[in-house]
Amino acid sequence: MLAGNEANIADLVRDNPAAISAYLTEKFAENEISEARTALSVVMKAQNVQILARDAGLRRDALYRTFGGRIDPQLSRILKMFAAMNVRACVAPKSGMDSPDAIAARLNEAFGGDPAEAIGGLSNVVRSQNVTALALKLGIRRTTVYKTFGGAVDPHLSRVLNLFVALEVRLAVLPAEPNMRPPRPSLGRPRKLPRDGE
């Protein structure tokens, strides 16, 4: 759907929750971490980063470091950035799959709230699975599955996407209800105020 270079995409997704959700849903469709990180970086850089950081409750340098495209961001920071851009994460079954509908519904409900609910929802779904078989699918040790998705750790995006591959679900992004926020400052220098004697 959205093809072209990053500048064209940035113009399209700037302050546009519908375009942001369509672009990110497309990039998250295959649960590929490199595509997801690049898409998050493009979307983040297209916004007014200072205001985005304020609305997400993060420092500006932390926002750049987290979504610059080089590191694996944590789930809670992704969800905070989504909320600041008036989009929300949801979980859907991979196209053509019927069996993961119940898992997707449970995760979708958890991803509708704050990041702690999403982390708890992942923990509940993982515990409802055969963890030994799940660890084999993920290619990690069983103890690592419990540690990563136990509910006490904020998992990184790569681990969440690997889990979604194993569960045959995917992350999708939808526009959310606009949040009431202070108005954004206008671009450029502020006008000089007249002095008392003028």
N, C-alpha and C. Protein backbone atom coordinates (compact mmCIF):
# COMPACT_ATOMS: atom_id res chain seq x y z
N MET A 1 0.82 -1.19 0.00
CA MET A 1 0.00 0.00 0.00
C MET A 1 0.86 1.25 0.00
N LEU A 2 1.74 1.38 0.97
CA LEU A 2 2.56 2.56 1.08
C LEU A 2 3.95 2.27 0.56
N ALA A 3 4.21 2.68 -0.65
CA ALA A 3 5.52 2.46 -1.23
C ALA A 3 6.18 3.81 -1.44
N GLY A 4 7.47 3.80 -1.58
CA GLY A 4 8.19 5.05 -1.80
C GLY A 4 9.27 5.23 -0.76
N ASN A 5 9.95 6.33 -0.87
CA ASN A 5 11.05 6.55 0.07
C ASN A 5 10.53 7.08 1.39
N GLU A 6 11.45 7.17 2.35
CA GLU A 6 11.07 7.55 3.71
C GLU A 6 10.50 8.96 3.78
N ALA A 7 10.97 9.87 2.96
CA ALA A 7 10.46 11.25 3.00
C ALA A 7 8.99 11.30 2.61
N ASN A 8 8.62 10.56 1.57
CA ASN A 8 7.21 10.52 1.16
C ASN A 8 6.34 9.88 2.23
N ILE A 9 6.85 8.82 2.83
CA ILE A 9 6.10 8.15 3.89
C ILE A 9 5.97 9.08 5.09
N ALA A 10 7.06 9.78 5.42
CA ALA A 10 7.03 10.71 6.56
C ALA A 10 5.98 11.79 6.35
N ASP A 11 5.89 12.32 5.13
CA ASP A 11 4.87 13.34 4.83
C ASP A 11 3.46 12.76 5.00
N LEU A 12 3.30 11.51 4.62
CA LEU A 12 1.99 10.87 4.69
C LEU A 12 1.55 10.60 6.13
N VAL A 13 2.49 10.17 6.99
CA VAL A 13 2.12 9.74 8.34
C VAL A 13 2.21 10.86 9.38
N ARG A 14 2.69 12.03 9.00
CA ARG A 14 2.82 13.13 9.96
C ARG A 14 1.45 13.54 10.48
N ASP A 15 1.24 13.38 11.79
CA ASP A 15 -0.01 13.76 12.47
C ASP A 15 -1.25 13.17 11.81
N ASN A 16 -1.16 11.94 11.30
CA ASN A 16 -2.27 11.29 10.62
C ASN A 16 -2.44 9.87 11.17
N PRO A 17 -3.25 9.71 12.23
CA PRO A 17 -3.40 8.38 12.84
C PRO A 17 -3.86 7.29 11.88
N ALA A 18 -4.71 7.61 10.92
CA ALA A 18 -5.18 6.59 9.97
C ALA A 18 -4.02 6.10 9.10
N ALA A 19 -3.18 7.01 8.62
CA ALA A 19 -2.04 6.62 7.80
C ALA A 19 -0.99 5.89 8.63
N ILE A 20 -0.79 6.34 9.87
CA ILE A 20 0.16 5.66 10.76
C ILE A 20 -0.28 4.22 10.98
N SER A 21 -1.56 4.02 11.27
CA SER A 21 -2.05 2.67 11.54
C SER A 21 -1.94 1.77 10.31
N ALA A 22 -2.27 2.31 9.14
CA ALA A 22 -2.17 1.50 7.91
C ALA A 22 -0.72 1.12 7.61
N TYR A 23 0.19 2.07 7.75
CA TYR A 23 1.61 1.82 7.47
C TYR A 23 2.19 0.81 8.45
N LEU A 24 1.95 1.01 9.76
CA LEU A 24 2.51 0.11 10.75
C LEU A 24 1.89 -1.28 10.68
N THR A 25 0.60 -1.37 10.41
CA THR A 25 -0.04 -2.69 10.28
C THR A 25 0.59 -3.45 9.12
N GLU A 26 0.85 -2.75 8.02
CA GLU A 26 1.49 -3.40 6.87
C GLU A 26 2.89 -3.89 7.23
N LYS A 27 3.64 -3.08 7.97
CA LYS A 27 5.02 -3.43 8.30
C LYS A 27 5.11 -4.50 9.39
N PHE A 28 4.09 -4.61 10.24
CA PHE A 28 4.08 -5.63 11.29
C PHE A 28 3.46 -6.94 10.82
N ALA A 29 2.94 -7.00 9.61
CA ALA A 29 2.17 -8.16 9.14
C ALA A 29 2.94 -9.47 9.20
N GLU A 30 4.22 -9.45 8.91
CA GLU A 30 5.00 -10.69 8.88
C GLU A 30 5.80 -10.93 10.15
N ASN A 31 5.62 -10.10 11.18
CA ASN A 31 6.35 -10.23 12.45
C ASN A 31 7.86 -10.20 12.25
N GLU A 32 8.32 -9.41 11.30
CA GLU A 32 9.75 -9.28 11.00
C GLU A 32 10.31 -8.09 11.77
N ILE A 33 11.29 -8.35 12.65
CA ILE A 33 11.78 -7.32 13.56
C ILE A 33 12.46 -6.17 12.83
N SER A 34 13.24 -6.44 11.80
CA SER A 34 13.95 -5.34 11.12
C SER A 34 12.96 -4.39 10.43
N GLU A 35 11.92 -4.93 9.80
CA GLU A 35 10.91 -4.08 9.18
C GLU A 35 10.15 -3.29 10.22
N ALA A 36 9.83 -3.93 11.34
CA ALA A 36 9.08 -3.26 12.40
C ALA A 36 9.89 -2.11 13.00
N ARG A 37 11.17 -2.34 13.28
CA ARG A 37 12.03 -1.29 13.85
C ARG A 37 12.17 -0.12 12.89
N THR A 38 12.37 -0.42 11.61
CA THR A 38 12.51 0.65 10.62
C THR A 38 11.22 1.46 10.52
N ALA A 39 10.08 0.78 10.50
CA ALA A 39 8.79 1.48 10.41
C ALA A 39 8.55 2.35 11.62
N LEU A 40 8.86 1.85 12.82
CA LEU A 40 8.71 2.66 14.03
C LEU A 40 9.60 3.88 13.99
N SER A 41 10.81 3.73 13.47
CA SER A 41 11.73 4.86 13.36
C SER A 41 11.21 5.91 12.39
N VAL A 42 10.71 5.48 11.24
CA VAL A 42 10.18 6.40 10.24
C VAL A 42 8.99 7.18 10.81
N VAL A 43 8.10 6.48 11.48
CA VAL A 43 6.90 7.12 12.03
C VAL A 43 7.28 8.10 13.13
N MET A 44 8.22 7.70 13.99
CA MET A 44 8.64 8.58 15.08
C MET A 44 9.27 9.85 14.54
N LYS A 45 10.17 9.73 13.59
CA LYS A 45 10.88 10.89 13.04
C LYS A 45 9.97 11.81 12.25
N ALA A 46 8.84 11.30 11.77
CA ALA A 46 7.91 12.13 11.00
C ALA A 46 7.11 13.07 11.89
N GLN A 47 7.07 12.79 13.18
CA GLN A 47 6.29 13.62 14.10
C GLN A 47 7.15 14.75 14.66
N ASN A 48 6.53 15.66 15.38
CA ASN A 48 7.26 16.64 16.16
C ASN A 48 7.76 15.88 17.38
N VAL A 49 9.05 15.54 17.38
CA VAL A 49 9.58 14.59 18.37
C VAL A 49 9.51 15.16 19.78
N GLN A 50 9.69 16.44 19.94
CA GLN A 50 9.62 17.03 21.27
C GLN A 50 8.22 16.86 21.86
N ILE A 51 7.20 17.13 21.07
CA ILE A 51 5.82 16.98 21.53
C ILE A 51 5.47 15.51 21.70
N LEU A 52 5.94 14.67 20.79
CA LEU A 52 5.70 13.23 20.90
C LEU A 52 6.29 12.68 22.19
N ALA A 53 7.51 13.11 22.52
CA ALA A 53 8.15 12.67 23.76
C ALA A 53 7.35 13.12 24.97
N ARG A 54 6.88 14.37 24.94
CA ARG A 54 6.08 14.89 26.05
C ARG A 54 4.80 14.07 26.22
N ASP A 55 4.10 13.82 25.11
CA ASP A 55 2.83 13.09 25.17
C ASP A 55 3.02 11.62 25.56
N ALA A 56 4.18 11.06 25.21
CA ALA A 56 4.45 9.66 25.55
C ALA A 56 5.02 9.50 26.96
N GLY A 57 5.39 10.61 27.58
CA GLY A 57 5.96 10.55 28.92
C GLY A 57 7.40 10.07 28.92
N LEU A 58 8.10 10.31 27.81
CA LEU A 58 9.49 9.91 27.68
C LEU A 58 10.35 11.15 27.41
N ARG A 59 11.62 11.03 27.71
CA ARG A 59 12.54 12.12 27.35
C ARG A 59 12.82 12.03 25.85
N ARG A 60 13.11 13.18 25.27
CA ARG A 60 13.33 13.23 23.83
C ARG A 60 14.51 12.36 23.40
N ASP A 61 15.61 12.41 24.15
CA ASP A 61 16.77 11.59 23.80
C ASP A 61 16.47 10.10 23.95
N ALA A 62 15.63 9.76 24.94
CA ALA A 62 15.23 8.35 25.10
C ALA A 62 14.36 7.90 23.93
N LEU A 63 13.54 8.80 23.43
CA LEU A 63 12.69 8.48 22.28
C LEU A 63 13.55 8.22 21.04
N TYR A 64 14.54 9.09 20.81
CA TYR A 64 15.44 8.89 19.67
C TYR A 64 16.24 7.60 19.82
N ARG A 65 16.74 7.36 21.03
CA ARG A 65 17.55 6.17 21.25
C ARG A 65 16.70 4.90 21.08
N THR A 66 15.49 4.92 21.60
CA THR A 66 14.62 3.74 21.55
C THR A 66 14.13 3.46 20.14
N PHE A 67 13.74 4.50 19.41
CA PHE A 67 13.13 4.30 18.09
C PHE A 67 14.00 4.78 16.94
N GLY A 68 15.29 4.90 17.18
CA GLY A 68 16.20 5.32 16.12
C GLY A 68 16.42 4.25 15.07
N GLY A 69 16.00 3.02 15.34
CA GLY A 69 16.12 1.95 14.35
C GLY A 69 17.24 0.98 14.63
N ARG A 70 18.07 1.26 15.66
CA ARG A 70 19.21 0.38 15.91
C ARG A 70 18.98 -0.60 17.06
N ILE A 71 18.20 -0.19 18.06
CA ILE A 71 18.02 -1.09 19.21
C ILE A 71 16.63 -1.72 19.17
N ASP A 72 16.47 -2.72 20.01
CA ASP A 72 15.22 -3.46 20.10
C ASP A 72 14.35 -2.80 21.17
N PRO A 73 13.30 -2.05 20.79
CA PRO A 73 12.53 -1.32 21.79
C PRO A 73 11.69 -2.23 22.67
N GLN A 74 11.42 -1.76 23.87
CA GLN A 74 10.58 -2.51 24.80
C GLN A 74 9.11 -2.25 24.49
N LEU A 75 8.29 -3.23 24.80
CA LEU A 75 6.87 -3.17 24.49
C LEU A 75 6.19 -1.96 25.13
N SER A 76 6.49 -1.66 26.37
CA SER A 76 5.82 -0.54 27.05
C SER A 76 6.10 0.79 26.35
N ARG A 77 7.32 1.00 25.86
CA ARG A 77 7.64 2.24 25.16
C ARG A 77 6.91 2.34 23.83
N ILE A 78 6.77 1.21 23.15
CA ILE A 78 6.03 1.20 21.89
C ILE A 78 4.57 1.59 22.14
N LEU A 79 3.98 1.00 23.16
CA LEU A 79 2.58 1.30 23.46
C LEU A 79 2.39 2.75 23.91
N LYS A 80 3.35 3.31 24.64
CA LYS A 80 3.28 4.72 25.04
C LYS A 80 3.38 5.63 23.81
N MET A 81 4.28 5.28 22.87
CA MET A 81 4.40 6.09 21.66
C MET A 81 3.12 5.98 20.83
N PHE A 82 2.54 4.79 20.74
CA PHE A 82 1.28 4.64 20.01
C PHE A 82 0.20 5.54 20.60
N ALA A 83 0.08 5.53 21.92
CA ALA A 83 -0.94 6.36 22.57
C ALA A 83 -0.70 7.84 22.28
N ALA A 84 0.55 8.26 22.25
CA ALA A 84 0.87 9.66 21.97
C ALA A 84 0.54 10.04 20.53
N MET A 85 0.53 9.06 19.62
CA MET A 85 0.21 9.33 18.21
C MET A 85 -1.26 9.05 17.89
N ASN A 86 -2.07 8.79 18.91
CA ASN A 86 -3.50 8.49 18.75
C ASN A 86 -3.76 7.24 17.93
N VAL A 87 -2.93 6.22 18.14
CA VAL A 87 -3.17 4.90 17.56
C VAL A 87 -3.07 3.89 18.70
N ARG A 88 -3.59 2.69 18.47
CA ARG A 88 -3.51 1.66 19.50
C ARG A 88 -3.14 0.33 18.85
N ALA A 89 -2.49 -0.50 19.65
CA ALA A 89 -2.09 -1.82 19.17
C ALA A 89 -3.22 -2.80 19.41
N CYS A 90 -3.36 -3.73 18.50
CA CYS A 90 -4.27 -4.85 18.70
C CYS A 90 -3.62 -6.09 18.11
N VAL A 91 -4.13 -7.24 18.48
CA VAL A 91 -3.55 -8.50 18.02
C VAL A 91 -4.61 -9.22 17.19
N ALA A 92 -4.19 -9.70 16.03
CA ALA A 92 -5.11 -10.38 15.11
C ALA A 92 -4.48 -11.70 14.68
N PRO A 93 -5.31 -12.68 14.32
CA PRO A 93 -4.75 -13.91 13.78
C PRO A 93 -4.09 -13.64 12.44
N LYS A 94 -3.04 -14.40 12.14
CA LYS A 94 -2.42 -14.27 10.82
C LYS A 94 -3.47 -14.61 9.78
N SER A 95 -3.42 -13.98 8.64
CA SER A 95 -4.45 -14.20 7.63
C SER A 95 -4.53 -15.68 7.25
N GLY A 96 -5.75 -16.18 7.21
CA GLY A 96 -5.98 -17.57 6.82
C GLY A 96 -5.90 -18.55 7.97
N MET A 97 -5.58 -18.09 9.17
CA MET A 97 -5.46 -18.99 10.32
C MET A 97 -6.75 -18.91 11.14
N ASP A 98 -7.27 -20.05 11.56
CA ASP A 98 -8.48 -20.07 12.38
C ASP A 98 -8.18 -20.36 13.84
N SER A 99 -7.17 -21.19 14.11
CA SER A 99 -6.93 -21.65 15.47
C SER A 99 -6.53 -20.55 16.45
N PRO A 100 -5.79 -19.54 16.06
CA PRO A 100 -5.35 -18.56 17.06
C PRO A 100 -6.37 -17.46 17.36
N ASP A 101 -7.62 -17.64 16.94
CA ASP A 101 -8.63 -16.60 17.20
C ASP A 101 -8.78 -16.31 18.69
N ALA A 102 -8.82 -17.35 19.52
CA ALA A 102 -9.00 -17.16 20.96
C ALA A 102 -7.80 -16.45 21.57
N ILE A 103 -6.61 -16.82 21.13
CA ILE A 103 -5.39 -16.16 21.63
C ILE A 103 -5.41 -14.70 21.22
N ALA A 104 -5.74 -14.43 19.96
CA ALA A 104 -5.77 -13.04 19.48
C ALA A 104 -6.80 -12.22 20.26
N ALA A 105 -7.95 -12.81 20.55
CA ALA A 105 -8.99 -12.09 21.30
C ALA A 105 -8.52 -11.77 22.71
N ARG A 106 -7.86 -12.72 23.37
CA ARG A 106 -7.36 -12.47 24.73
C ARG A 106 -6.28 -11.40 24.72
N LEU A 107 -5.37 -11.47 23.76
CA LEU A 107 -4.30 -10.47 23.70
C LEU A 107 -4.83 -9.11 23.28
N ASN A 108 -5.79 -9.10 22.38
CA ASN A 108 -6.38 -7.84 21.92
C ASN A 108 -7.00 -7.08 23.09
N GLU A 109 -7.67 -7.82 23.96
CA GLU A 109 -8.27 -7.21 25.15
C GLU A 109 -7.19 -6.61 26.05
N ALA A 110 -6.09 -7.33 26.24
CA ALA A 110 -5.00 -6.85 27.10
C ALA A 110 -4.28 -5.66 26.49
N PHE A 111 -4.13 -5.65 25.17
CA PHE A 111 -3.40 -4.57 24.51
C PHE A 111 -4.23 -3.28 24.42
N GLY A 112 -5.50 -3.33 24.80
CA GLY A 112 -6.34 -2.15 24.74
C GLY A 112 -6.11 -1.17 25.87
N GLY A 113 -5.43 -1.60 26.93
CA GLY A 113 -5.22 -0.74 28.10
C GLY A 113 -3.80 -0.21 28.17
N ASP A 114 -3.31 -0.11 29.38
CA ASP A 114 -1.97 0.41 29.57
C ASP A 114 -0.93 -0.69 29.35
N PRO A 115 0.36 -0.33 29.26
CA PRO A 115 1.40 -1.32 28.99
C PRO A 115 1.46 -2.46 30.01
N ALA A 116 1.17 -2.18 31.28
CA ALA A 116 1.21 -3.25 32.29
C ALA A 116 0.17 -4.32 31.99
N GLU A 117 -1.00 -3.92 31.48
CA GLU A 117 -2.02 -4.90 31.11
C GLU A 117 -1.57 -5.75 29.93
N ALA A 118 -0.88 -5.13 28.97
CA ALA A 118 -0.38 -5.88 27.81
C ALA A 118 0.66 -6.90 28.24
N ILE A 119 1.56 -6.50 29.14
CA ILE A 119 2.59 -7.42 29.63
C ILE A 119 1.94 -8.55 30.41
N GLY A 120 0.94 -8.23 31.22
CA GLY A 120 0.20 -9.26 31.96
C GLY A 120 -0.56 -10.19 31.03
N GLY A 121 -1.15 -9.63 29.98
CA GLY A 121 -1.86 -10.45 29.00
C GLY A 121 -0.94 -11.43 28.30
N LEU A 122 0.25 -10.97 27.93
CA LEU A 122 1.23 -11.88 27.31
C LEU A 122 1.59 -13.00 28.28
N SER A 123 1.77 -12.65 29.55
CA SER A 123 2.11 -13.65 30.56
C SER A 123 1.01 -14.69 30.69
N ASN A 124 -0.24 -14.25 30.73
CA ASN A 124 -1.37 -15.19 30.85
C ASN A 124 -1.46 -16.13 29.65
N VAL A 125 -1.26 -15.59 28.46
CA VAL A 125 -1.34 -16.43 27.25
C VAL A 125 -0.20 -17.43 27.23
N VAL A 126 1.00 -17.00 27.59
CA VAL A 126 2.15 -17.92 27.59
C VAL A 126 1.93 -19.03 28.60
N ARG A 127 1.44 -18.70 29.77
CA ARG A 127 1.21 -19.72 30.81
C ARG A 127 0.11 -20.70 30.42
N SER A 128 -0.80 -20.28 29.53
CA SER A 128 -1.86 -21.19 29.10
C SER A 128 -1.39 -22.17 28.02
N GLN A 129 -0.18 -21.98 27.51
CA GLN A 129 0.37 -22.84 26.46
C GLN A 129 1.23 -23.93 27.09
N ASN A 130 1.60 -24.92 26.29
CA ASN A 130 2.61 -25.88 26.68
C ASN A 130 3.94 -25.15 26.54
N VAL A 131 4.52 -24.72 27.65
CA VAL A 131 5.68 -23.84 27.62
C VAL A 131 6.90 -24.54 27.04
N THR A 132 7.04 -25.83 27.26
CA THR A 132 8.16 -26.57 26.69
C THR A 132 8.09 -26.56 25.17
N ALA A 133 6.92 -26.85 24.62
CA ALA A 133 6.75 -26.82 23.16
C ALA A 133 6.92 -25.41 22.63
N LEU A 134 6.42 -24.43 23.37
CA LEU A 134 6.55 -23.03 22.95
C LEU A 134 8.02 -22.62 22.93
N ALA A 135 8.79 -23.05 23.92
CA ALA A 135 10.22 -22.73 23.97
C ALA A 135 10.95 -23.34 22.78
N LEU A 136 10.56 -24.53 22.39
CA LEU A 136 11.17 -25.16 21.21
C LEU A 136 10.86 -24.36 19.94
N LYS A 137 9.60 -23.90 19.81
CA LYS A 137 9.24 -23.09 18.64
C LYS A 137 10.00 -21.77 18.62
N LEU A 138 10.21 -21.18 19.81
CA LEU A 138 10.90 -19.90 19.90
C LEU A 138 12.41 -20.04 19.78
N GLY A 139 12.91 -21.24 20.01
CA GLY A 139 14.36 -21.46 19.94
C GLY A 139 15.10 -20.92 21.16
N ILE A 140 14.40 -20.84 22.29
CA ILE A 140 15.02 -20.39 23.53
C ILE A 140 14.69 -21.39 24.64
N ARG A 141 15.39 -21.25 25.75
CA ARG A 141 15.17 -22.18 26.86
C ARG A 141 13.83 -21.88 27.54
N ARG A 142 13.30 -22.91 28.17
CA ARG A 142 12.02 -22.79 28.87
C ARG A 142 12.09 -21.75 29.98
N THR A 143 13.20 -21.72 30.71
CA THR A 143 13.36 -20.73 31.78
C THR A 143 13.38 -19.30 31.23
N THR A 144 13.91 -19.14 30.04
CA THR A 144 13.93 -17.81 29.41
C THR A 144 12.53 -17.38 29.02
N VAL A 145 11.71 -18.33 28.58
CA VAL A 145 10.31 -18.02 28.27
C VAL A 145 9.61 -17.52 29.53
N TYR A 146 9.79 -18.25 30.64
CA TYR A 146 9.17 -17.82 31.89
C TYR A 146 9.69 -16.47 32.36
N LYS A 147 10.99 -16.22 32.19
CA LYS A 147 11.57 -14.96 32.63
C LYS A 147 11.08 -13.81 31.75
N THR A 148 11.08 -14.01 30.44
CA THR A 148 10.69 -12.95 29.50
C THR A 148 9.21 -12.63 29.58
N PHE A 149 8.38 -13.65 29.68
CA PHE A 149 6.93 -13.45 29.64
C PHE A 149 6.25 -13.78 30.97
N GLY A 150 6.98 -13.64 32.07
CA GLY A 150 6.42 -13.93 33.38
C GLY A 150 5.57 -12.80 33.93
N GLY A 151 5.63 -11.64 33.33
CA GLY A 151 4.84 -10.50 33.79
C GLY A 151 5.64 -9.47 34.56
N ALA A 152 6.87 -9.81 34.96
CA ALA A 152 7.69 -8.87 35.72
C ALA A 152 8.66 -8.10 34.83
N VAL A 153 8.92 -8.60 33.62
CA VAL A 153 9.88 -8.00 32.70
C VAL A 153 9.14 -7.36 31.54
N ASP A 154 9.61 -6.20 31.13
CA ASP A 154 9.08 -5.52 29.95
C ASP A 154 9.78 -6.11 28.72
N PRO A 155 9.11 -7.00 27.95
CA PRO A 155 9.80 -7.70 26.87
C PRO A 155 10.14 -6.79 25.70
N HIS A 156 11.20 -7.14 25.02
CA HIS A 156 11.62 -6.42 23.82
C HIS A 156 10.75 -6.84 22.64
N LEU A 157 10.66 -5.96 21.66
CA LEU A 157 9.82 -6.20 20.49
C LEU A 157 10.19 -7.49 19.77
N SER A 158 11.47 -7.78 19.63
CA SER A 158 11.87 -9.00 18.91
C SER A 158 11.32 -10.25 19.59
N ARG A 159 11.32 -10.29 20.91
CA ARG A 159 10.78 -11.45 21.62
C ARG A 159 9.27 -11.53 21.45
N VAL A 160 8.60 -10.37 21.49
CA VAL A 160 7.14 -10.36 21.32
C VAL A 160 6.78 -10.84 19.92
N LEU A 161 7.50 -10.36 18.90
CA LEU A 161 7.20 -10.78 17.53
C LEU A 161 7.50 -12.26 17.32
N ASN A 162 8.57 -12.77 17.94
CA ASN A 162 8.85 -14.21 17.86
C ASN A 162 7.73 -15.02 18.51
N LEU A 163 7.24 -14.53 19.63
CA LEU A 163 6.11 -15.19 20.29
C LEU A 163 4.89 -15.18 19.39
N PHE A 164 4.63 -14.06 18.73
CA PHE A 164 3.48 -13.96 17.84
C PHE A 164 3.60 -14.92 16.67
N VAL A 165 4.81 -15.12 16.16
CA VAL A 165 5.02 -16.11 15.09
C VAL A 165 4.65 -17.49 15.61
N ALA A 166 5.11 -17.82 16.81
CA ALA A 166 4.82 -19.14 17.38
C ALA A 166 3.34 -19.33 17.66
N LEU A 167 2.65 -18.26 18.04
CA LEU A 167 1.22 -18.34 18.34
C LEU A 167 0.34 -18.12 17.12
N GLU A 168 0.95 -17.83 15.98
CA GLU A 168 0.26 -17.59 14.71
C GLU A 168 -0.68 -16.39 14.77
N VAL A 169 -0.22 -15.33 15.42
CA VAL A 169 -0.94 -14.07 15.46
C VAL A 169 0.01 -12.97 14.99
N ARG A 170 -0.53 -11.77 14.81
CA ARG A 170 0.29 -10.65 14.38
C ARG A 170 -0.18 -9.38 15.07
N LEU A 171 0.69 -8.39 15.09
CA LEU A 171 0.36 -7.10 15.66
C LEU A 171 -0.26 -6.22 14.58
N ALA A 172 -1.33 -5.58 14.91
CA ALA A 172 -1.97 -4.62 14.00
C ALA A 172 -2.12 -3.31 14.76
N VAL A 173 -2.24 -2.22 14.04
CA VAL A 173 -2.36 -0.90 14.65
C VAL A 173 -3.62 -0.25 14.10
N LEU A 174 -4.42 0.31 15.01
CA LEU A 174 -5.68 0.96 14.64
C LEU A 174 -5.68 2.40 15.13
N PRO A 175 -6.39 3.29 14.43
CA PRO A 175 -6.53 4.65 14.96
C PRO A 175 -7.31 4.61 16.27
N ALA A 176 -6.96 5.48 17.18
CA ALA A 176 -7.64 5.54 18.48
C ALA A 176 -8.40 6.85 18.59
N GLU A 177 -9.20 6.95 19.64
CA GLU A 177 -9.89 8.20 19.91
C GLU A 177 -8.84 9.26 20.24
N PRO A 178 -8.98 10.46 19.69
CA PRO A 178 -7.98 11.50 19.98
C PRO A 178 -7.95 11.84 21.47
N ASN A 179 -6.74 11.98 21.99
CA ASN A 179 -6.56 12.38 23.38
C ASN A 179 -6.59 13.89 23.49
N MET A 180 -7.09 14.37 24.61
CA MET A 180 -7.08 15.80 24.86
C MET A 180 -5.68 16.18 25.34
N ARG A 181 -5.01 17.01 24.56
CA ARG A 181 -3.65 17.42 24.88
C ARG A 181 -3.54 18.92 24.75
N PRO A 182 -2.52 19.50 25.39
CA PRO A 182 -2.28 20.93 25.17
C PRO A 182 -1.97 21.17 23.70
N PRO A 183 -2.30 22.34 23.17
CA PRO A 183 -2.02 22.59 21.75
C PRO A 183 -0.53 22.55 21.46
N ARG A 184 -0.23 22.10 20.24
CA ARG A 184 1.17 22.07 19.82
C ARG A 184 1.64 23.47 19.53
N PRO A 185 2.89 23.77 19.87
CA PRO A 185 3.39 25.10 19.55
C PRO A 185 3.54 25.27 18.05
N SER A 186 3.39 26.50 17.59
CA SER A 186 3.58 26.74 16.16
C SER A 186 5.06 26.69 15.85
N LEU A 187 5.36 26.38 14.61
CA LEU A 187 6.76 26.28 14.20
C LEU A 187 7.36 27.68 14.06
N GLY A 188 8.65 27.76 14.22
CA GLY A 188 9.34 29.05 14.08
C GLY A 188 9.56 29.70 15.42
N ARG A 189 10.18 30.85 15.36
CA ARG A 189 10.47 31.60 16.58
C ARG A 189 9.22 32.29 17.08
N PRO A 190 9.09 32.39 18.40
CA PRO A 190 7.94 33.14 18.93
C PRO A 190 8.11 34.62 18.66
N ARG A 191 6.98 35.32 18.52
CA ARG A 191 7.03 36.76 18.29
C ARG A 191 7.55 37.47 19.51
N LYS A 192 8.25 38.55 19.27
CA LYS A 192 8.73 39.36 20.39
C LYS A 192 7.55 40.15 20.96
N LEU A 193 7.49 40.14 22.26
CA LEU A 193 6.43 40.89 22.94
C LEU A 193 6.87 42.34 23.08
N PRO A 194 5.95 43.29 22.94
CA PRO A 194 6.34 44.70 23.11
C PRO A 194 6.75 44.96 24.55
N ARG A 195 7.72 45.84 24.70
CA ARG A 195 8.16 46.22 26.03
C ARG A 195 7.21 47.23 26.62
N ASP A 196 7.32 47.45 27.92
CA ASP A 196 6.39 48.33 28.62
C ASP A 196 6.38 49.74 28.04
N GLY A 197 7.50 50.30 27.64
CA GLY A 197 7.58 51.67 27.15
C GLY A 197 7.23 51.81 25.68
N GLU A 198 6.96 50.76 24.99
CA GLU A 198 6.72 50.86 23.54
C GLU A 198 5.26 50.90 23.21
